Amino acid sequence: MRLTYPSNIRIIKVPCTGRVAIIHLMKAIEKGADGVFVAGCMEGDCHFQSGNLRAKRRVAYVRQLLESTGMEPDRVAMYNLSSGEGPRFAEISREMTDKIRQLGPNPLRVRGEGEEKAA
């Protein structure tokens, strides 16, 4: 469809969002990603039966973890859309990028950069 979405979005394809583990989301944040969103199929429409529901629970758990550590839970989100909704994906990408831009850079990345320079 040749849709445009922000160039700073990195897409990682998985067979099903149910394969996205808590550690994947946390590692992305730990390694400096300012935000992460999971785009899964519509609820009740998962080819792998309940993968998107597992992903939704995992994203909610990671949001709780971030909040308990003092980070903004809005840095991680889950969206449900069908594979035919390319324009909606581009819109979500722009919305998420704007939200993350308002939150500012990942505090772990900022801290990590300063520590490396000091060492």
C-alpha atoms as a PDB file:
ATOM      1  CA  MET A   1       0.000   0.000   0.000  1.00  0.00           C
ATOM      2  CA  ARG A   2       3.090   2.219   0.246  1.00  0.00           C
ATOM      3  CA  LEU A   3       1.900   3.758   3.491  1.00  0.00           C
ATOM      4  CA  THR A   4       4.259   5.891   5.482  1.00  0.00           C
ATOM      5  CA  TYR A   5       4.914   5.521   9.163  1.00  0.00           C
ATOM      6  CA  PRO A   6       7.689   7.035  11.289  1.00  0.00           C
ATOM      7  CA  SER A   7      11.162   5.905  10.238  1.00  0.00           C
ATOM      8  CA  ASN A   8      12.183   5.260  13.845  1.00  0.00           C
ATOM      9  CA  ILE A   9       9.715   2.336  14.098  1.00  0.00           C
ATOM     10  CA  ARG A  10      11.475  -1.044  14.036  1.00  0.00           C
ATOM     11  CA  ILE A  11       9.199  -3.911  13.022  1.00  0.00           C
ATOM     12  CA  ILE A  12       9.905  -7.367  14.380  1.00  0.00           C
ATOM     13  CA  LYS A  13       7.660  -9.979  12.819  1.00  0.00           C
ATOM     14  CA  VAL A  14       6.560 -13.017  14.794  1.00  0.00           C
ATOM     15  CA  PRO A  15       4.187 -15.811  13.737  1.00  0.00           C
ATOM     16  CA  CYS A  16       1.786 -14.799  16.499  1.00  0.00           C
ATOM     17  CA  THR A  17       1.809 -12.111  19.186  1.00  0.00           C
ATOM     18  CA  GLY A  18       1.432 -14.972  21.646  1.00  0.00           C
ATOM     19  CA  ARG A  19       5.138 -15.610  21.000  1.00  0.00           C
ATOM     20  CA  VAL A  20       6.072 -12.197  22.405  1.00  0.00           C
ATOM     21  CA  ALA A  21       7.352 -12.887  25.909  1.00  0.00           C
ATOM     22  CA  ILE A  22       7.639 -10.497  28.825  1.00  0.00           C
ATOM     23  CA  ILE A  23      11.429 -10.716  28.545  1.00  0.00           C
ATOM     24  CA  HIS A  24      11.290  -9.481  24.922  1.00  0.00           C
ATOM     25  CA  LEU A  25       9.395  -6.354  25.941  1.00  0.00           C
ATOM     26  CA  MET A  26      11.584  -5.710  28.978  1.00  0.00           C
ATOM     27  CA  LYS A  27      14.829  -6.260  27.033  1.00  0.00           C
ATOM     28  CA  ALA A  28      13.727  -3.727  24.423  1.00  0.00           C
ATOM     29  CA  ILE A  29      13.207  -1.127  27.153  1.00  0.00           C
ATOM     30  CA  GLU A  30      16.413  -2.135  28.947  1.00  0.00           C
ATOM     31  CA  LYS A  31      18.416  -1.788  25.742  1.00  0.00           C
ATOM     32  CA  GLY A  32      17.130   1.748  25.243  1.00  0.00           C
ATOM     33  CA  ALA A  33      13.914   1.597  23.231  1.00  0.00           C
ATOM     34  CA  ASP A  34      11.814   4.617  24.140  1.00  0.00           C
ATOM     35  CA  GLY A  35       8.639   2.586  23.643  1.00  0.00           C
ATOM     36  CA  VAL A  36       7.300  -0.729  22.389  1.00  0.00           C
ATOM     37  CA  PHE A  37       3.951  -1.621  20.929  1.00  0.00           C
ATOM     38  CA  VAL A  38       2.575  -4.991  19.993  1.00  0.00           C
ATOM     39  CA  ALA A  39       0.193  -5.109  17.039  1.00  0.00           C
ATOM     40  CA  GLY A  40      -1.878  -8.281  17.123  1.00  0.00           C
ATOM     41  CA  CYS A  41      -4.910  -9.630  15.386  1.00  0.00           C
ATOM     42  CA  MET A  42      -8.411  -8.813  16.518  1.00  0.00           C
ATOM     43  CA  GLU A  43      -9.534 -10.371  19.790  1.00  0.00           C
ATOM     44  CA  GLY A  44     -11.313 -13.638  19.140  1.00  0.00           C
ATOM     45  CA  ASP A  45      -9.833 -13.778  15.648  1.00  0.00           C
ATOM     46  CA  CYS A  46      -6.419 -15.302  16.403  1.00  0.00           C
ATOM     47  CA  HIS A  47      -5.288 -17.991  13.987  1.00  0.00           C
ATOM     48  CA  PHE A  48      -3.424 -19.588  16.910  1.00  0.00           C
ATOM     49  CA  GLN A  49      -6.604 -19.478  19.050  1.00  0.00           C
ATOM     50  CA  SER A  50      -5.621 -17.286  22.020  1.00  0.00           C
ATOM     51  CA  GLY A  51      -2.162 -15.910  21.253  1.00  0.00           C
ATOM     52  CA  ASN A  52      -3.321 -12.312  21.148  1.00  0.00           C
ATOM     53  CA  LEU A  53      -5.007 -12.700  24.545  1.00  0.00           C
ATOM     54  CA  ARG A  54      -1.744 -14.015  26.041  1.00  0.00           C
ATOM     55  CA  ALA A  55       0.097 -11.070  24.506  1.00  0.00           C
ATOM     56  CA  LYS A  56      -2.457  -8.652  25.950  1.00  0.00           C
ATOM     57  CA  ARG A  57      -1.922 -10.084  29.461  1.00  0.00           C
ATOM     58  CA  ARG A  58       1.846  -9.917  29.040  1.00  0.00           C
ATOM     59  CA  VAL A  59       1.744  -6.306  27.873  1.00  0.00           C
ATOM     60  CA  ALA A  60      -0.466  -5.415  30.858  1.00  0.00           C
ATOM     61  CA  TYR A  61       2.024  -7.121  33.190  1.00  0.00           C
ATOM     62  CA  VAL A  62       4.978  -5.238  31.683  1.00  0.00           C
ATOM     63  CA  ARG A  63       3.050  -1.983  32.092  1.00  0.00           C
ATOM     64  CA  GLN A  64       2.628  -2.824  35.801  1.00  0.00           C
ATOM     65  CA  LEU A  65       6.340  -3.604  36.088  1.00  0.00           C
ATOM     66  CA  LEU A  66       7.284  -0.293  34.498  1.00  0.00           C
ATOM     67  CA  GLU A  67       4.952   1.605  36.791  1.00  0.00           C
ATOM     68  CA  SER A  68       6.328  -0.157  39.874  1.00  0.00           C
ATOM     69  CA  THR A  69       9.857   0.905  38.878  1.00  0.00           C
ATOM     70  CA  GLY A  70       8.848   4.523  38.353  1.00  0.00           C
ATOM     71  CA  MET A  71       8.738   4.473  34.550  1.00  0.00           C
ATOM     72  CA  GLU A  72       5.746   5.508  32.504  1.00  0.00           C
ATOM     73  CA  PRO A  73       3.567   2.477  31.669  1.00  0.00           C
ATOM     74  CA  ASP A  74       2.485   4.193  28.436  1.00  0.00           C
ATOM     75  CA  ARG A  75       5.874   3.253  26.972  1.00  0.00           C
ATOM     76  CA  VAL A  76       4.384  -0.192  26.254  1.00  0.00           C
ATOM     77  CA  ALA A  77       1.059  -0.772  24.495  1.00  0.00           C
ATOM     78  CA  MET A  78      -0.974  -3.414  22.686  1.00  0.00           C
ATOM     79  CA  TYR A  79      -3.167  -2.760  19.674  1.00  0.00           C
ATOM     80  CA  ASN A  80      -5.509  -5.134  17.884  1.00  0.00           C
ATOM     81  CA  LEU A  81      -6.085  -4.789  14.163  1.00  0.00           C
ATOM     82  CA  SER A  82      -6.541  -7.052  11.179  1.00  0.00           C
ATOM     83  CA  SER A  83      -3.856  -7.651   8.583  1.00  0.00           C
ATOM     84  CA  GLY A  84      -5.894  -5.663   6.067  1.00  0.00           C
ATOM     85  CA  GLU A  85      -5.766  -2.488   8.135  1.00  0.00           C
ATOM     86  CA  GLY A  86      -2.511  -1.044   6.826  1.00  0.00           C
ATOM     87  CA  PRO A  87      -3.700   2.563   7.160  1.00  0.00           C
ATOM     88  CA  ARG A  88      -4.679   1.875  10.789  1.00  0.00           C
ATOM     89  CA  PHE A  89      -1.198   0.442  11.473  1.00  0.00           C
ATOM     90  CA  ALA A  90       0.404   3.593  10.074  1.00  0.00           C
ATOM     91  CA  GLU A  91      -1.947   5.719  12.212  1.00  0.00           C
ATOM     92  CA  ILE A  92      -1.120   3.706  15.367  1.00  0.00           C
ATOM     93  CA  SER A  93       2.585   4.056  14.607  1.00  0.00           C
ATOM     94  CA  ARG A  94       2.260   7.829  14.385  1.00  0.00           C
ATOM     95  CA  GLU A  95       0.120   7.997  17.555  1.00  0.00           C
ATOM     96  CA  MET A  96       2.576   5.859  19.515  1.00  0.00           C
ATOM     97  CA  THR A  97       5.532   7.909  18.260  1.00  0.00           C
ATOM     98  CA  ASP A  98       3.808  11.138  19.332  1.00  0.00           C
ATOM     99  CA  LYS A  99       2.983   9.665  22.746  1.00  0.00           C
ATOM    100  CA  ILE A 100       6.583   8.541  23.279  1.00  0.00           C
ATOM    101  CA  ARG A 101       7.924  11.890  22.096  1.00  0.00           C
ATOM    102  CA  GLN A 102       5.805  13.574  24.802  1.00  0.00           C
ATOM    103  CA  LEU A 103       7.159  11.172  27.438  1.00  0.00           C
ATOM    104  CA  GLY A 104      10.725  11.910  26.421  1.00  0.00           C
ATOM    105  CA  PRO A 105      13.656   9.558  26.031  1.00  0.00           C
ATOM    106  CA  ASN A 106      13.903   6.290  27.897  1.00  0.00           C
ATOM    107  CA  PRO A 107      15.498   7.125  31.271  1.00  0.00           C
ATOM    108  CA  LEU A 108      17.491   3.884  31.162  1.00  0.00           C
ATOM    109  CA  ARG A 109      19.098   4.865  27.874  1.00  0.00           C
ATOM    110  CA  VAL A 110      19.916   8.359  29.092  1.00  0.00           C
ATOM    111  CA  ARG A 111      21.424   6.981  32.298  1.00  0.00           C
ATOM    112  CA  GLY A 112      23.317   4.298  30.389  1.00  0.00           C
ATOM    113  CA  GLU A 113      24.848   6.823  27.987  1.00  0.00           C
ATOM    114  CA  GLY A 114      26.073   9.018  30.846  1.00  0.00           C
ATOM    115  CA  GLU A 115      27.548   6.076  32.736  1.00  0.00           C
ATOM    116  CA  GLU A 116      29.453   4.913  29.656  1.00  0.00           C
ATOM    117  CA  LYS A 117      30.895   8.383  29.091  1.00  0.00           C
ATOM    118  CA  ALA A 118      31.927   8.652  32.738  1.00  0.00           C
ATOM    119  CA  ALA A 119      33.725   5.301  32.673  1.00  0.00           C
END
